[in-house]
């Protein structure tokens, strides 16, 4: 006698010939879990039947044509369900379609040069945006607002890095040897680039019609960082990467579209966290705004400094950035209580 186990529930016990009949009828599977009613030993239906001399074969449901007829055209080609547009309710598949088919759609357009790099970078930005929307969205997050902030960030980046960034004289120190270069990368590169990502968040908070949750601004900060990463990625692809050998250029292109935008997003998210609290607790606005700029700028600057000196340190800073944002989010309630009192 055999017990059949399905979904952690036992059925039976059944005689071996009955179990074999169920297998032939397709009601039981040979790899279904089972238990011997006498010894309590566990195994599969196939094992217990074989030990008792049973070799059941599943009886096919007619010919191929008969099987297809039994399945029915309504399930093979569900025209009615498509006509009723029920597929719109499955947003997961639609998101996957956007992620998977967008590059194929781009092949239809006669684009080249700079636009190719921008289109590919924009594609990866959308992929990152989907991740961030899934993990960090709140009731206040809006797709339209996300798109506006994304392109506003890119506009600000374009304006500032059209020579205005050279007004920050700390950039001069980036040309000096380590450790003097730390000054240039933190106060020059870090402060300038993180301030660029901070501006859209300040504009968003100022125009808000209700108090914005810190996690909402973390999400928008992530998107601002991705927008910056897209711009920077394109700039590197048409300048630095274009002069590299094929293998190096290929790897750098991938990195500039994946890891590096992710780092910019992390630092933008940290900025958004403190900007969010600054607008909820205006008594601490000055200090929180300073932290919103100083912490990402320091992480950014140190990462860039060691990237050409000792890259393993830069990787450590990247992990610290992930850990910092995660910890900030987990300690949000405690931080809120501290600012209230």
C-alpha atoms as a PDB file:
ATOM      1  CA  UNK A   1       0.000   0.000   0.000  1.00  0.00           C
ATOM      2  CA  UNK A   2       1.218   3.464  -0.903  1.00  0.00           C
ATOM      3  CA  UNK A   3       0.384   6.946   0.319  1.00  0.00           C
ATOM      4  CA  UNK A   4       0.549   9.696  -2.318  1.00  0.00           C
ATOM      5  CA  UNK A   5       1.951  13.065  -1.197  1.00  0.00           C
ATOM      6  CA  UNK A   6       0.991  16.260  -2.997  1.00  0.00           C
ATOM      7  CA  UNK A   7       1.334  19.817  -1.689  1.00  0.00           C
ATOM      8  CA  UNK A   8       2.416  18.414   1.698  1.00  0.00           C
ATOM      9  CA  UNK A   9      -0.848  16.454   2.021  1.00  0.00           C
ATOM     10  CA  UNK A  10      -1.132  12.658   2.069  1.00  0.00           C
ATOM     11  CA  UNK A  11      -3.781  10.749   0.142  1.00  0.00           C
ATOM     12  CA  UNK A  12      -4.560   7.049   0.457  1.00  0.00           C
ATOM     13  CA  UNK A  13      -3.308   4.506   1.107  1.00  0.00           C
ATOM     14  CA  UNK A  14      -3.777   2.922  -2.320  1.00  0.00           C
ATOM     15  CA  UNK A  15      -2.934  -0.537  -3.584  1.00  0.00           C
ATOM     16  CA  UNK A  16      -0.036  -0.684  -6.041  1.00  0.00           C
ATOM     17  CA  UNK A  17      -2.231  -1.803  -8.947  1.00  0.00           C
ATOM     18  CA  UNK A  18      -4.570   1.149  -8.325  1.00  0.00           C
ATOM     19  CA  UNK A  19      -1.629   3.560  -8.291  1.00  0.00           C
ATOM     20  CA  UNK A  20      -0.352   2.009 -11.531  1.00  0.00           C
ATOM     21  CA  UNK A  21      -3.795   2.496 -13.098  1.00  0.00           C
ATOM     22  CA  UNK A  22      -3.795   6.163 -12.053  1.00  0.00           C
ATOM     23  CA  UNK A  23      -0.385   6.573 -13.684  1.00  0.00           C
ATOM     24  CA  UNK A  24      -1.640   5.020 -16.923  1.00  0.00           C
ATOM     25  CA  UNK A  25      -4.616   7.399 -16.893  1.00  0.00           C
ATOM     26  CA  UNK A  26      -2.344  10.397 -16.325  1.00  0.00           C
ATOM     27  CA  UNK A  27      -3.866  11.178 -12.923  1.00  0.00           C
ATOM     28  CA  UNK A  28      -0.615  10.459 -11.090  1.00  0.00           C
ATOM     29  CA  UNK A  29       2.966  11.106 -12.173  1.00  0.00           C
ATOM     30  CA  UNK A  30       5.844   8.704 -11.797  1.00  0.00           C
ATOM     31  CA  UNK A  31       7.852  11.373  -9.927  1.00  0.00           C
ATOM     32  CA  UNK A  32       5.052  12.204  -7.487  1.00  0.00           C
ATOM     33  CA  UNK A  33       6.180  11.870  -3.873  1.00  0.00           C
ATOM     34  CA  UNK A  34       4.986   8.763  -2.043  1.00  0.00           C
ATOM     35  CA  UNK A  35       5.318   6.919   1.267  1.00  0.00           C
ATOM     36  CA  UNK A  36       5.184   3.215   2.041  1.00  0.00           C
ATOM     37  CA  UNK A  37       2.145   2.568   4.252  1.00  0.00           C
ATOM     38  CA  UNK A  38       3.945  -0.200   6.172  1.00  0.00           C
ATOM     39  CA  UNK A  39       7.546   0.960   6.632  1.00  0.00           C
ATOM     40  CA  UNK A  40       6.962   4.722   6.390  1.00  0.00           C
ATOM     41  CA  UNK A  41       9.807   4.964   3.881  1.00  0.00           C
ATOM     42  CA  UNK A  42       9.569   7.925   1.507  1.00  0.00           C
ATOM     43  CA  UNK A  43      10.337   7.968  -2.190  1.00  0.00           C
ATOM     44  CA  UNK A  44       8.655   8.413  -5.555  1.00  0.00           C
ATOM     45  CA  UNK A  45       5.761   6.589  -7.151  1.00  0.00           C
ATOM     46  CA  UNK A  46       8.168   5.185  -9.758  1.00  0.00           C
ATOM     47  CA  UNK A  47      10.436   3.725  -7.088  1.00  0.00           C
ATOM     48  CA  UNK A  48       7.693   1.976  -5.131  1.00  0.00           C
ATOM     49  CA  UNK A  49       5.960   0.629  -8.238  1.00  0.00           C
ATOM     50  CA  UNK A  50       9.234  -0.662  -9.683  1.00  0.00           C
ATOM     51  CA  UNK A  51      10.082  -2.425  -6.418  1.00  0.00           C
ATOM     52  CA  UNK A  52       6.770  -4.272  -6.692  1.00  0.00           C
ATOM     53  CA  UNK A  53       7.190  -5.193 -10.349  1.00  0.00           C
ATOM     54  CA  UNK A  54       4.877  -2.581 -11.915  1.00  0.00           C
ATOM     55  CA  UNK A  55       5.956  -0.778 -15.120  1.00  0.00           C
ATOM     56  CA  UNK A  56       2.951   1.375 -16.062  1.00  0.00           C
ATOM     57  CA  UNK A  57       2.935   3.314 -19.356  1.00  0.00           C
ATOM     58  CA  UNK A  58       0.836   6.437 -19.829  1.00  0.00           C
ATOM     59  CA  UNK A  59      -1.919   5.938 -22.402  1.00  0.00           C
ATOM     60  CA  UNK A  60      -1.910   8.748 -24.956  1.00  0.00           C
ATOM     61  CA  UNK A  61      -5.150  10.654 -25.478  1.00  0.00           C
ATOM     62  CA  UNK A  62      -5.585   9.592 -29.098  1.00  0.00           C
ATOM     63  CA  UNK A  63      -3.576  10.764 -32.089  1.00  0.00           C
ATOM     64  CA  UNK A  64      -1.839  14.116 -32.399  1.00  0.00           C
ATOM     65  CA  UNK A  65      -4.833  15.516 -34.275  1.00  0.00           C
ATOM     66  CA  UNK A  66      -7.248  14.252 -31.635  1.00  0.00           C
ATOM     67  CA  UNK A  67      -5.137  15.761 -28.865  1.00  0.00           C
ATOM     68  CA  UNK A  68      -5.046  19.158 -30.577  1.00  0.00           C
ATOM     69  CA  UNK A  69      -8.806  19.025 -31.097  1.00  0.00           C
ATOM     70  CA  UNK A  70      -9.302  18.217 -27.405  1.00  0.00           C
ATOM     71  CA  UNK A  71      -7.129  21.165 -26.378  1.00  0.00           C
ATOM     72  CA  UNK A  72      -9.177  23.467 -28.593  1.00  0.00           C
ATOM     73  CA  UNK A  73      -8.315  26.452 -30.747  1.00  0.00           C
ATOM     74  CA  UNK A  74      -9.536  28.811 -28.036  1.00  0.00           C
ATOM     75  CA  UNK A  75      -6.516  27.945 -25.904  1.00  0.00           C
ATOM     76  CA  UNK A  76      -4.021  27.641 -28.745  1.00  0.00           C
ATOM     77  CA  UNK A  77      -4.953  31.025 -30.208  1.00  0.00           C
ATOM     78  CA  UNK A  78      -7.070  32.918 -27.638  1.00  0.00           C
ATOM     79  CA  UNK A  79      -8.579  35.473 -30.022  1.00  0.00           C
ATOM     80  CA  UNK A  80     -11.437  36.352 -27.701  1.00  0.00           C
ATOM     81  CA  UNK A  81      -9.153  37.095 -24.761  1.00  0.00           C
ATOM     82  CA  UNK A  82      -6.947  39.233 -27.009  1.00  0.00           C
ATOM     83  CA  UNK A  83      -9.975  41.095 -28.336  1.00  0.00           C
ATOM     84  CA  UNK A  84     -11.139  41.778 -24.775  1.00  0.00           C
ATOM     85  CA  UNK A  85      -7.665  43.206 -24.037  1.00  0.00           C
ATOM     86  CA  UNK A  86      -7.329  41.197 -20.872  1.00  0.00           C
ATOM     87  CA  UNK A  87      -3.609  41.016 -21.542  1.00  0.00           C
ATOM     88  CA  UNK A  88      -3.388  44.626 -20.373  1.00  0.00           C
ATOM     89  CA  UNK A  89      -3.994  43.443 -16.819  1.00  0.00           C
ATOM     90  CA  UNK A  90      -0.739  41.477 -16.816  1.00  0.00           C
ATOM     91  CA  UNK A  91       1.688  44.376 -16.425  1.00  0.00           C
ATOM     92  CA  UNK A  92       4.605  42.006 -15.800  1.00  0.00           C
ATOM     93  CA  UNK A  93       4.495  40.713 -19.360  1.00  0.00           C
ATOM     94  CA  UNK A  94       4.139  44.221 -20.761  1.00  0.00           C
ATOM     95  CA  UNK A  95       7.199  45.355 -18.811  1.00  0.00           C
ATOM     96  CA  UNK A  96       9.158  42.377 -20.100  1.00  0.00           C
ATOM     97  CA  UNK A  97       8.011  43.208 -23.628  1.00  0.00           C
ATOM     98  CA  UNK A  98       9.313  46.769 -23.303  1.00  0.00           C
ATOM     99  CA  UNK A  99      12.610  45.499 -21.910  1.00  0.00           C
ATOM    100  CA  UNK A 100      13.037  42.781 -24.501  1.00  0.00           C
ATOM    101  CA  UNK A 101      11.754  44.397 -27.686  1.00  0.00           C
ATOM    102  CA  UNK A 102      12.906  48.019 -27.415  1.00  0.00           C
ATOM    103  CA  UNK A 103      16.275  47.416 -29.138  1.00  0.00           C
ATOM    104  CA  UNK A 104      14.452  45.611 -31.960  1.00  0.00           C
ATOM    105  CA  UNK A 105      12.173  48.616 -32.406  1.00  0.00           C
ATOM    106  CA  UNK A 106      15.216  50.901 -32.622  1.00  0.00           C
ATOM    107  CA  UNK A 107      16.414  48.919 -35.650  1.00  0.00           C
ATOM    108  CA  UNK A 108      13.502  50.396 -37.610  1.00  0.00           C
ATOM    109  CA  UNK A 109      14.892  53.924 -37.362  1.00  0.00           C
ATOM    110  CA  UNK A 110      17.814  55.215 -39.452  1.00  0.00           C
ATOM    111  CA  UNK A 111      19.813  56.558 -36.514  1.00  0.00           C
ATOM    112  CA  UNK A 112      23.577  56.737 -36.271  1.00  0.00           C
ATOM    113  CA  UNK A 113      26.483  58.378 -34.506  1.00  0.00           C
ATOM    114  CA  UNK A 114      25.698  60.132 -31.234  1.00  0.00           C
ATOM    115  CA  UNK A 115      22.022  59.143 -31.375  1.00  0.00           C
ATOM    116  CA  UNK A 116      22.934  55.442 -31.355  1.00  0.00           C
ATOM    117  CA  UNK A 117      24.856  55.810 -28.111  1.00  0.00           C
ATOM    118  CA  UNK A 118      22.120  57.919 -26.588  1.00  0.00           C
ATOM    119  CA  UNK A 119      19.369  55.484 -27.604  1.00  0.00           C
ATOM    120  CA  UNK A 120      21.251  52.514 -26.137  1.00  0.00           C
ATOM    121  CA  UNK A 121      22.009  54.457 -22.953  1.00  0.00           C
ATOM    122  CA  UNK A 122      18.377  55.485 -22.687  1.00  0.00           C
ATOM    123  CA  UNK A 123      17.358  51.849 -23.053  1.00  0.00           C
ATOM    124  CA  UNK A 124      19.504  50.810 -20.102  1.00  0.00           C
ATOM    125  CA  UNK A 125      18.162  53.768 -18.130  1.00  0.00           C
ATOM    126  CA  UNK A 126      14.632  52.469 -18.687  1.00  0.00           C
ATOM    127  CA  UNK A 127      15.705  49.025 -17.453  1.00  0.00           C
ATOM    128  CA  UNK A 128      17.179  50.544 -14.295  1.00  0.00           C
ATOM    129  CA  UNK A 129      14.080  52.690 -13.908  1.00  0.00           C
ATOM    130  CA  UNK A 130      11.879  49.590 -13.919  1.00  0.00           C
ATOM    131  CA  UNK A 131      13.941  48.070 -11.135  1.00  0.00           C
ATOM    132  CA  UNK A 132      13.786  51.228  -9.059  1.00  0.00           C
ATOM    133  CA  UNK A 133      10.074  51.653  -9.666  1.00  0.00           C
ATOM    134  CA  UNK A 134       9.426  48.099  -8.514  1.00  0.00           C
ATOM    135  CA  UNK A 135      11.542  48.307  -5.350  1.00  0.00           C
ATOM    136  CA  UNK A 136      11.246  51.951  -4.244  1.00  0.00           C
ATOM    137  CA  UNK A 137       7.972  53.381  -5.488  1.00  0.00           C
ATOM    138  CA  UNK A 138       5.524  54.894  -3.010  1.00  0.00           C
ATOM    139  CA  UNK A 139       1.954  56.112  -3.351  1.00  0.00           C
ATOM    140  CA  UNK A 140       3.368  59.520  -4.344  1.00  0.00           C
ATOM    141  CA  UNK A 141       5.473  58.291  -7.260  1.00  0.00           C
ATOM    142  CA  UNK A 142       4.171  59.230 -10.703  1.00  0.00           C
ATOM    143  CA  UNK A 143       5.482  58.001 -14.053  1.00  0.00           C
ATOM    144  CA  UNK A 144       4.987  61.418 -15.665  1.00  0.00           C
ATOM    145  CA  UNK A 145       6.895  63.126 -12.862  1.00  0.00           C
ATOM    146  CA  UNK A 146       9.651  60.534 -13.217  1.00  0.00           C
ATOM    147  CA  UNK A 147      10.015  61.266 -16.934  1.00  0.00           C
ATOM    148  CA  UNK A 148      10.035  65.026 -16.362  1.00  0.00           C
ATOM    149  CA  UNK A 149      12.677  64.760 -13.660  1.00  0.00           C
ATOM    150  CA  UNK A 150      14.791  62.466 -15.827  1.00  0.00           C
ATOM    151  CA  UNK A 151      14.951  64.848 -18.766  1.00  0.00           C
ATOM    152  CA  UNK A 152      15.212  67.928 -16.523  1.00  0.00           C
ATOM    153  CA  UNK A 153      18.319  66.384 -14.974  1.00  0.00           C
ATOM    154  CA  UNK A 154      19.797  65.783 -18.404  1.00  0.00           C
ATOM    155  CA  UNK A 155      19.065  69.371 -19.420  1.00  0.00           C
ATOM    156  CA  UNK A 156      20.802  70.698 -16.311  1.00  0.00           C
ATOM    157  CA  UNK A 157      23.742  68.365 -16.930  1.00  0.00           C
ATOM    158  CA  UNK A 158      24.050  69.587 -20.515  1.00  0.00           C
ATOM    159  CA  UNK A 159      23.974  73.251 -19.463  1.00  0.00           C
ATOM    160  CA  UNK A 160      26.406  72.935 -16.572  1.00  0.00           C
ATOM    161  CA  UNK A 161      28.905  70.732 -18.366  1.00  0.00           C
ATOM    162  CA  UNK A 162      29.024  73.074 -21.328  1.00  0.00           C
ATOM    163  CA  UNK A 163      31.958  74.831 -19.614  1.00  0.00           C
ATOM    164  CA  UNK A 164      30.096  76.078 -16.487  1.00  0.00           C
ATOM    165  CA  UNK A 165      31.624  73.233 -14.498  1.00  0.00           C
ATOM    166  CA  UNK A 166      35.055  74.772 -15.055  1.00  0.00           C
ATOM    167  CA  UNK A 167      34.053  77.618 -12.736  1.00  0.00           C
ATOM    168  CA  UNK A 168      34.754  75.212  -9.879  1.00  0.00           C
ATOM    169  CA  UNK A 169      38.510  75.750  -9.495  1.00  0.00           C
ATOM    170  CA  UNK A 170      38.877  72.587  -7.426  1.00  0.00           C
ATOM    171  CA  UNK A 171      38.852  70.664 -10.720  1.00  0.00           C
ATOM    172  CA  UNK A 172      42.485  71.734 -11.051  1.00  0.00           C
ATOM    173  CA  UNK A 173      43.493  69.356  -8.259  1.00  0.00           C
ATOM    174  CA  UNK A 174      42.305  66.304 -10.230  1.00  0.00           C
ATOM    175  CA  UNK A 175      45.443  66.662 -12.354  1.00  0.00           C
ATOM    176  CA  UNK A 176      47.705  66.457  -9.321  1.00  0.00           C
ATOM    177  CA  UNK A 177      49.129  63.201  -7.934  1.00  0.00           C
ATOM    178  CA  UNK A 178      47.537  61.319  -5.062  1.00  0.00           C
ATOM    179  CA  UNK A 179      46.699  62.331  -2.304  1.00  0.00           C
ATOM    180  CA  UNK A 180      46.250  65.932  -3.479  1.00  0.00           C
ATOM    181  CA  UNK A 181      43.891  64.662  -6.186  1.00  0.00           C
ATOM    182  CA  UNK A 182      41.384  63.764  -3.453  1.00  0.00           C
ATOM    183  CA  UNK A 183      40.611  67.474  -3.102  1.00  0.00           C
ATOM    184  CA  UNK A 184      39.819  67.768  -6.786  1.00  0.00           C
ATOM    185  CA  UNK A 185      37.674  64.673  -6.997  1.00  0.00           C
ATOM    186  CA  UNK A 186      35.671  65.424  -3.848  1.00  0.00           C
ATOM    187  CA  UNK A 187      35.285  69.224  -3.957  1.00  0.00           C
ATOM    188  CA  UNK A 188      35.494  69.479  -7.730  1.00  0.00           C
ATOM    189  CA  UNK A 189      33.967  66.437  -9.416  1.00  0.00           C
ATOM    190  CA  UNK A 190      31.930  65.130  -6.474  1.00  0.00           C
ATOM    191  CA  UNK A 191      30.369  68.404  -5.349  1.00  0.00           C
ATOM    192  CA  UNK A 192      29.615  69.599  -8.888  1.00  0.00           C
ATOM    193  CA  UNK A 193      28.061  66.384 -10.167  1.00  0.00           C
ATOM    194  CA  UNK A 194      26.064  65.657  -7.016  1.00  0.00           C
ATOM    195  CA  UNK A 195      24.798  69.241  -6.964  1.00  0.00           C
ATOM    196  CA  UNK A 196      23.565  68.754 -10.528  1.00  0.00           C
ATOM    197  CA  UNK A 197      21.569  65.705  -9.407  1.00  0.00           C
ATOM    198  CA  UNK A 198      20.317  67.559  -6.338  1.00  0.00           C
ATOM    199  CA  UNK A 199      18.810  70.512  -8.239  1.00  0.00           C
ATOM    200  CA  UNK A 200      15.837  68.610  -9.766  1.00  0.00           C
ATOM    201  CA  UNK A 201      15.037  67.160  -6.335  1.00  0.00           C
ATOM    202  CA  UNK A 202      14.957  70.632  -4.806  1.00  0.00           C
ATOM    203  CA  UNK A 203      12.700  71.836  -7.614  1.00  0.00           C
ATOM    204  CA  UNK A 204      10.403  68.849  -7.134  1.00  0.00           C
ATOM    205  CA  UNK A 205      10.176  69.372  -3.368  1.00  0.00           C
ATOM    206  CA  UNK A 206       9.487  73.076  -3.830  1.00  0.00           C
ATOM    207  CA  UNK A 207       6.609  72.493  -6.263  1.00  0.00           C
ATOM    208  CA  UNK A 208       5.050  69.658  -4.247  1.00  0.00           C
ATOM    209  CA  UNK A 209       1.402  70.041  -3.250  1.00  0.00           C
ATOM    210  CA  UNK A 210       1.834  67.806  -0.208  1.00  0.00           C
ATOM    211  CA  UNK A 211       4.711  66.783   2.079  1.00  0.00           C
ATOM    212  CA  UNK A 212       6.882  64.341   0.146  1.00  0.00           C
ATOM    213  CA  UNK A 213       7.947  61.134   1.863  1.00  0.00           C
ATOM    214  CA  UNK A 214      11.731  60.669   2.112  1.00  0.00           C
ATOM    215  CA  UNK A 215      11.458  57.323   0.296  1.00  0.00           C
ATOM    216  CA  UNK A 216       9.662  59.096  -2.549  1.00  0.00           C
ATOM    217  CA  UNK A 217      12.609  61.443  -2.943  1.00  0.00           C
ATOM    218  CA  UNK A 218      14.978  58.484  -2.646  1.00  0.00           C
ATOM    219  CA  UNK A 219      13.245  57.034  -5.711  1.00  0.00           C
ATOM    220  CA  UNK A 220      13.444  60.334  -7.594  1.00  0.00           C
ATOM    221  CA  UNK A 221      17.068  60.690  -6.497  1.00  0.00           C
ATOM    222  CA  UNK A 222      17.817  57.282  -7.973  1.00  0.00           C
ATOM    223  CA  UNK A 223      16.224  58.356 -11.243  1.00  0.00           C
ATOM    224  CA  UNK A 224      18.131  61.645 -11.237  1.00  0.00           C
ATOM    225  CA  UNK A 225      21.330  59.649 -10.805  1.00  0.00           C
ATOM    226  CA  UNK A 226      20.427  57.364 -13.692  1.00  0.00           C
ATOM    227  CA  UNK A 227      19.737  60.394 -15.884  1.00  0.00           C
ATOM    228  CA  UNK A 228      23.184  61.736 -15.057  1.00  0.00           C
ATOM    229  CA  UNK A 229      24.732  58.323 -15.686  1.00  0.00           C
ATOM    230  CA  UNK A 230      23.162  58.174 -19.153  1.00  0.00           C
ATOM    231  CA  UNK A 231      24.647  61.538 -20.100  1.00  0.00           C
ATOM    232  CA  UNK A 232      28.057  60.648 -18.735  1.00  0.00           C
ATOM    233  CA  UNK A 233      27.944  57.237 -20.407  1.00  0.00           C
ATOM    234  CA  UNK A 234      27.295  58.779 -23.817  1.00  0.00           C
ATOM    235  CA  UNK A 235      30.071  61.331 -23.327  1.00  0.00           C
ATOM    236  CA  UNK A 236      32.582  58.617 -22.500  1.00  0.00           C
ATOM    237  CA  UNK A 237      31.471  56.420 -25.398  1.00  0.00           C
ATOM    238  CA  UNK A 238      32.115  59.121 -27.989  1.00  0.00           C
ATOM    239  CA  UNK A 239      35.390  60.286 -26.410  1.00  0.00           C
ATOM    240  CA  UNK A 240      37.425  58.001 -24.134  1.00  0.00           C
ATOM    241  CA  UNK A 241      35.948  54.670 -25.254  1.00  0.00           C
ATOM    242  CA  UNK A 242      36.278  55.574 -28.934  1.00  0.00           C
ATOM    243  CA  UNK A 243      40.066  55.678 -28.544  1.00  0.00           C
ATOM    244  CA  UNK A 244      40.328  52.328 -26.741  1.00  0.00           C
ATOM    245  CA  UNK A 245      40.986  48.970 -28.373  1.00  0.00           C
ATOM    246  CA  UNK A 246      37.984  46.821 -29.284  1.00  0.00           C
ATOM    247  CA  UNK A 247      37.975  44.574 -26.202  1.00  0.00           C
ATOM    248  CA  UNK A 248      38.484  47.434 -23.750  1.00  0.00           C
ATOM    249  CA  UNK A 249      35.897  49.610 -25.480  1.00  0.00           C
ATOM    250  CA  UNK A 250      33.359  46.776 -25.407  1.00  0.00           C
ATOM    251  CA  UNK A 251      33.798  46.220 -21.672  1.00  0.00           C
ATOM    252  CA  UNK A 252      33.819  49.948 -20.870  1.00  0.00           C
ATOM    253  CA  UNK A 253      30.630  50.452 -22.871  1.00  0.00           C
ATOM    254  CA  UNK A 254      28.884  47.762 -20.815  1.00  0.00           C
ATOM    255  CA  UNK A 255      30.213  49.209 -17.557  1.00  0.00           C
ATOM    256  CA  UNK A 256      29.172  52.735 -18.528  1.00  0.00           C
ATOM    257  CA  UNK A 257      25.626  51.518 -19.132  1.00  0.00           C
ATOM    258  CA  UNK A 258      25.241  49.307 -16.055  1.00  0.00           C
ATOM    259  CA  UNK A 259      27.513  49.642 -13.018  1.00  0.00           C
ATOM    260  CA  UNK A 260      28.475  53.291 -13.329  1.00  0.00           C
ATOM    261  CA  UNK A 261      24.906  54.635 -13.753  1.00  0.00           C
ATOM    262  CA  UNK A 262      23.945  52.449 -10.791  1.00  0.00           C
ATOM    263  CA  UNK A 263      26.582  54.175  -8.654  1.00  0.00           C
ATOM    264  CA  UNK A 264      25.316  57.594  -9.711  1.00  0.00           C
ATOM    265  CA  UNK A 265      21.833  56.425  -8.791  1.00  0.00           C
ATOM    266  CA  UNK A 266      22.965  55.311  -5.327  1.00  0.00           C
ATOM    267  CA  UNK A 267      24.508  58.677  -4.594  1.00  0.00           C
ATOM    268  CA  UNK A 268      21.430  60.437  -5.951  1.00  0.00           C
ATOM    269  CA  UNK A 269      19.240  58.255  -3.719  1.00  0.00           C
ATOM    270  CA  UNK A 270      21.262  59.228  -0.632  1.00  0.00           C
ATOM    271  CA  UNK A 271      20.856  62.869  -1.622  1.00  0.00           C
ATOM    272  CA  UNK A 272      17.104  62.393  -2.010  1.00  0.00           C
ATOM    273  CA  UNK A 273      16.889  60.806   1.447  1.00  0.00           C
ATOM    274  CA  UNK A 274      18.272  63.886   3.201  1.00  0.00           C
ATOM    275  CA  UNK A 275      16.410  66.341   0.959  1.00  0.00           C
ATOM    276  CA  UNK A 276      13.213  64.510   1.899  1.00  0.00           C
ATOM    277  CA  UNK A 277      13.843  64.889   5.619  1.00  0.00           C
ATOM    278  CA  UNK A 278      14.973  68.501   5.162  1.00  0.00           C
ATOM    279  CA  UNK A 279      11.566  69.388   3.752  1.00  0.00           C
ATOM    280  CA  UNK A 280       9.689  67.483   6.458  1.00  0.00           C
ATOM    281  CA  UNK A 281      11.693  69.032   9.291  1.00  0.00           C
ATOM    282  CA  UNK A 282      12.655  72.568   8.189  1.00  0.00           C
ATOM    283  CA  UNK A 283      14.293  73.371  11.543  1.00  0.00           C
ATOM    284  CA  UNK A 284      17.176  71.134  10.422  1.00  0.00           C
ATOM    285  CA  UNK A 285      17.049  72.148   6.771  1.00  0.00           C
ATOM    286  CA  UNK A 286      20.531  73.687   6.595  1.00  0.00           C
ATOM    287  CA  UNK A 287      22.327  70.709   8.085  1.00  0.00           C
ATOM    288  CA  UNK A 288      20.283  68.179   6.118  1.00  0.00           C
ATOM    289  CA  UNK A 289      20.920  69.985   2.837  1.00  0.00           C
ATOM    290  CA  UNK A 290      24.640  69.989   3.619  1.00  0.00           C
ATOM    291  CA  UNK A 291      24.512  66.249   4.323  1.00  0.00           C
ATOM    292  CA  UNK A 292      22.481  65.685   1.134  1.00  0.00           C
ATOM    293  CA  UNK A 293      25.378  67.117  -0.854  1.00  0.00           C
ATOM    294  CA  UNK A 294      28.408  66.292   1.287  1.00  0.00           C
ATOM    295  CA  UNK A 295      27.896  62.545   1.793  1.00  0.00           C
ATOM    296  CA  UNK A 296      27.289  61.653  -1.890  1.00  0.00           C
ATOM    297  CA  UNK A 297      30.052  64.050  -2.980  1.00  0.00           C
ATOM    298  CA  UNK A 298      32.537  62.431  -0.592  1.00  0.00           C
ATOM    299  CA  UNK A 299      31.623  58.898  -1.695  1.00  0.00           C
ATOM    300  CA  UNK A 300      31.699  59.937  -5.353  1.00  0.00           C
ATOM    301  CA  UNK A 301      35.000  61.775  -5.042  1.00  0.00           C
ATOM    302  CA  UNK A 302      36.744  58.985  -3.149  1.00  0.00           C
ATOM    303  CA  UNK A 303      35.491  56.420  -5.667  1.00  0.00           C
ATOM    304  CA  UNK A 304      36.895  58.430  -8.585  1.00  0.00           C
ATOM    305  CA  UNK A 305      40.169  59.078  -6.745  1.00  0.00           C
ATOM    306  CA  UNK A 306      40.986  55.441  -6.113  1.00  0.00           C
ATOM    307  CA  UNK A 307      39.634  54.234  -9.468  1.00  0.00           C
ATOM    308  CA  UNK A 308      43.002  55.041 -11.028  1.00  0.00           C
ATOM    309  CA  UNK A 309      45.142  54.412  -7.919  1.00  0.00           C
ATOM    310  CA  UNK A 310      43.829  51.240  -6.266  1.00  0.00           C
ATOM    311  CA  UNK A 311      40.558  50.061  -7.796  1.00  0.00           C
ATOM    312  CA  UNK A 312      39.822  47.552  -5.049  1.00  0.00           C
ATOM    313  CA  UNK A 313      39.334  50.531  -2.717  1.00  0.00           C
ATOM    314  CA  UNK A 314      36.835  52.003  -5.184  1.00  0.00           C
ATOM    315  CA  UNK A 315      34.903  48.735  -5.108  1.00  0.00           C
ATOM    316  CA  UNK A 316      34.844  48.960  -1.326  1.00  0.00           C
ATOM    317  CA  UNK A 317      33.450  52.493  -1.554  1.00  0.00           C
ATOM    318  CA  UNK A 318      30.789  51.250  -3.963  1.00  0.00           C
ATOM    319  CA  UNK A 319      29.689  48.607  -1.451  1.00  0.00           C
ATOM    320  CA  UNK A 320      29.730  51.216   1.319  1.00  0.00           C
ATOM    321  CA  UNK A 321      27.414  53.345  -0.848  1.00  0.00           C
ATOM    322  CA  UNK A 322      24.960  50.452  -1.171  1.00  0.00           C
ATOM    323  CA  UNK A 323      25.176  49.755   2.550  1.00  0.00           C
ATOM    324  CA  UNK A 324      24.712  53.433   3.413  1.00  0.00           C
ATOM    325  CA  UNK A 325      21.519  53.850   1.389  1.00  0.00           C
ATOM    326  CA  UNK A 326      20.116  50.570   2.724  1.00  0.00           C
ATOM    327  CA  UNK A 327      20.875  51.571   6.310  1.00  0.00           C
ATOM    328  CA  UNK A 328      19.394  55.039   5.869  1.00  0.00           C
ATOM    329  CA  UNK A 329      16.149  53.555   4.594  1.00  0.00           C
ATOM    330  CA  UNK A 330      15.985  50.991   7.399  1.00  0.00           C
ATOM    331  CA  UNK A 331      16.621  53.680  10.028  1.00  0.00           C
ATOM    332  CA  UNK A 332      14.085  56.105   8.575  1.00  0.00           C
ATOM    333  CA  UNK A 333      11.628  55.834  11.465  1.00  0.00           C
ATOM    334  CA  UNK A 334      14.341  56.277  14.095  1.00  0.00           C
ATOM    335  CA  UNK A 335      15.745  59.275  12.219  1.00  0.00           C
ATOM    336  CA  UNK A 336      12.254  60.757  12.038  1.00  0.00           C
ATOM    337  CA  UNK A 337      11.839  60.393  15.801  1.00  0.00           C
ATOM    338  CA  UNK A 338      15.207  62.071  16.387  1.00  0.00           C
ATOM    339  CA  UNK A 339      14.269  65.089  14.265  1.00  0.00           C
ATOM    340  CA  UNK A 340      10.866  65.407  15.933  1.00  0.00           C
ATOM    341  CA  UNK A 341      12.481  65.890  19.326  1.00  0.00           C
END
